[in-house]
Amino acid sequence: MARAQETAPDMAINRIVEGTSIEGEIRCESNIRIDGVFIGNLSTKGRLVIGPAGKIEGTIQCQNAEVEGVVKGKISVQQLLSLKGTAKVEGDIFTDKLSIEPGATFTGACNMGAKVKDIKKEDARLAVEAV
């Protein structure tokens, strides 16, 4: 019995089912699946799955993501972002790795690989140190 409780957080999945619409902010430690509509900011330390009927409008931050539905907004994925054949993404993508199946649509900018330094902030810091 105790063993099942120890493994439960790793296997926990939050779900927003089809026919459900939520506005606001979601922060969670575990995986989450969206089959309904979510408008707002979503942040998870786990995996995000957006089902074929799922739709998110807002900002997304997660470890890994698989998109089959619609996303409008900024997506930041620490590891792998997978766009399935039915995915429709409008917005900017920031990820380490990107997988796009034929049929998926993507409109926006994509930044992959190592983190890009903010050149303006770096130049300002160097200018202050030089004085």
Protein backbone atom coordinates (compact mmCIF):
# COMPACT_ATOMS: atom_id res chain seq x y z
CA MET A 1 0.00 0.00 0.00
CA ALA A 2 2.77 2.47 0.89
CA ARG A 3 4.54 1.67 -2.35
CA ALA A 4 1.54 2.77 -4.43
CA GLN A 5 1.49 6.12 -2.60
CA GLU A 6 5.20 6.68 -3.32
CA THR A 7 4.74 6.26 -7.08
CA ALA A 8 1.42 8.14 -7.35
CA PRO A 9 2.90 11.66 -7.92
CA ASP A 10 4.96 10.43 -10.89
CA MET A 11 1.90 8.88 -12.47
CA ALA A 12 -0.53 11.68 -11.60
CA ILE A 13 -2.19 13.34 -14.58
CA ASN A 14 -4.33 16.46 -14.38
CA ARG A 15 -7.05 16.58 -17.05
CA ILE A 16 -9.28 19.19 -18.57
CA VAL A 17 -11.80 17.13 -20.51
CA GLU A 18 -13.59 17.96 -23.74
CA GLY A 19 -16.54 20.29 -23.14
CA THR A 20 -14.75 22.12 -20.31
CA SER A 21 -13.57 25.72 -20.63
CA ILE A 22 -11.27 27.37 -18.07
CA GLU A 23 -9.78 30.87 -17.83
CA GLY A 24 -6.95 31.79 -15.48
CA GLU A 25 -3.62 30.34 -14.43
CA ILE A 26 -2.58 26.72 -13.95
CA ARG A 27 0.60 25.73 -12.09
CA CYS A 28 1.29 22.07 -11.40
CA GLU A 29 4.12 19.70 -10.55
CA SER A 30 2.82 16.71 -12.53
CA ASN A 31 1.68 15.96 -16.08
CA ILE A 32 -1.41 17.60 -17.57
CA ARG A 33 -3.67 16.79 -20.52
CA ILE A 34 -5.95 19.38 -22.14
CA ASP A 35 -8.88 18.14 -24.23
CA GLY A 36 -11.05 21.19 -23.51
CA VAL A 37 -10.33 24.92 -23.78
CA PHE A 38 -7.90 26.79 -21.56
CA ILE A 39 -7.24 30.55 -21.75
CA GLY A 40 -4.42 31.91 -19.63
CA ASN A 41 -0.97 30.92 -18.36
CA LEU A 42 -0.04 27.26 -17.90
CA SER A 43 3.13 26.14 -16.12
CA THR A 44 4.04 22.54 -15.32
CA LYS A 45 7.22 20.75 -14.34
CA GLY A 46 5.88 17.68 -16.13
CA ARG A 47 4.59 16.81 -19.59
CA LEU A 48 1.80 18.68 -21.36
CA VAL A 49 -0.46 16.91 -23.85
CA ILE A 50 -2.98 18.90 -25.87
CA GLY A 51 -5.47 16.46 -27.39
CA PRO A 52 -7.07 16.79 -30.85
CA ALA A 53 -10.04 18.73 -29.40
CA GLY A 54 -7.84 20.74 -27.02
CA LYS A 55 -7.19 24.46 -27.38
CA ILE A 56 -4.91 26.77 -25.39
CA GLU A 57 -4.68 30.55 -25.74
CA GLY A 58 -1.90 32.04 -23.63
CA THR A 59 1.58 31.28 -22.37
CA ILE A 60 2.84 27.74 -21.85
CA GLN A 61 5.90 26.59 -19.87
CA CYS A 62 6.64 22.88 -19.48
CA GLN A 63 9.27 20.14 -19.51
CA ASN A 64 7.93 18.27 -22.60
CA ALA A 65 4.87 18.83 -24.78
CA GLU A 66 2.84 16.96 -27.37
CA VAL A 67 0.35 19.04 -29.38
CA GLU A 68 -2.50 17.55 -31.42
CA GLY A 69 -4.90 20.48 -31.05
CA VAL A 70 -4.65 24.29 -31.24
CA VAL A 71 -2.24 26.63 -29.48
CA LYS A 72 -2.26 30.44 -29.76
CA GLY A 73 0.54 32.08 -27.79
CA LYS A 74 4.07 31.57 -26.56
CA ILE A 75 5.33 28.02 -25.90
CA SER A 76 8.48 27.40 -23.82
CA VAL A 77 9.52 23.73 -23.61
CA GLN A 78 12.69 22.71 -21.80
CA GLN A 79 13.20 19.47 -23.73
CA LEU A 80 11.06 18.11 -26.60
CA LEU A 81 8.09 19.76 -28.32
CA SER A 82 6.22 17.38 -30.62
CA LEU A 83 3.66 18.77 -33.08
CA LYS A 84 1.42 15.98 -34.37
CA GLY A 85 -0.25 16.01 -37.80
CA THR A 86 -3.42 17.70 -36.51
CA ALA A 87 -1.61 20.46 -34.58
CA LYS A 88 -2.19 24.15 -35.32
CA VAL A 89 0.22 26.53 -33.59
CA GLU A 90 0.17 30.34 -33.84
CA GLY A 91 2.89 32.00 -31.79
CA ASP A 92 6.50 31.79 -30.78
CA ILE A 93 8.23 28.56 -29.81
CA PHE A 94 11.24 28.24 -27.49
CA THR A 95 12.48 24.66 -27.17
CA ASP A 96 15.56 22.47 -27.06
CA LYS A 97 14.23 19.93 -29.60
CA LEU A 98 11.32 20.12 -32.05
CA SER A 99 9.47 17.35 -33.90
CA ILE A 100 6.88 18.26 -36.55
CA GLU A 101 4.73 15.67 -38.33
CA PRO A 102 3.42 16.27 -41.86
CA GLY A 103 0.06 18.08 -41.71
CA ALA A 104 0.90 20.21 -38.68
CA THR A 105 0.77 23.98 -39.17
CA PHE A 106 2.98 26.50 -37.42
CA THR A 107 2.98 30.31 -37.77
CA GLY A 108 5.49 32.26 -35.73
CA ALA A 109 9.14 32.30 -34.68
CA CYS A 110 11.06 29.30 -33.43
CA ASN A 111 14.15 29.36 -31.19
CA MET A 112 15.88 26.03 -30.62
CA GLY A 113 18.92 24.73 -28.80
CA ALA A 114 20.98 26.58 -26.21
CA LYS A 115 19.48 29.59 -24.49
CA VAL A 116 19.98 32.83 -26.39
CA LYS A 117 21.59 35.57 -24.32
CA ASP A 118 19.96 38.96 -24.26
CA ILE A 119 22.63 40.93 -26.13
CA LYS A 120 21.31 44.33 -25.02
CA LYS A 121 21.55 43.42 -21.32
CA GLU A 122 25.04 41.96 -21.83
CA ASP A 123 26.22 45.11 -23.68
CA ALA A 124 24.78 47.32 -20.93
CA ARG A 125 26.57 45.31 -18.23
CA LEU A 126 29.90 45.56 -20.11
CA ALA A 127 29.45 49.31 -20.59
CA VAL A 128 28.88 49.81 -16.85
CA GLU A 129 31.95 47.71 -15.99
CA ALA A 130 34.11 49.72 -18.43
CA VAL A 131 33.28 52.99 -16.62
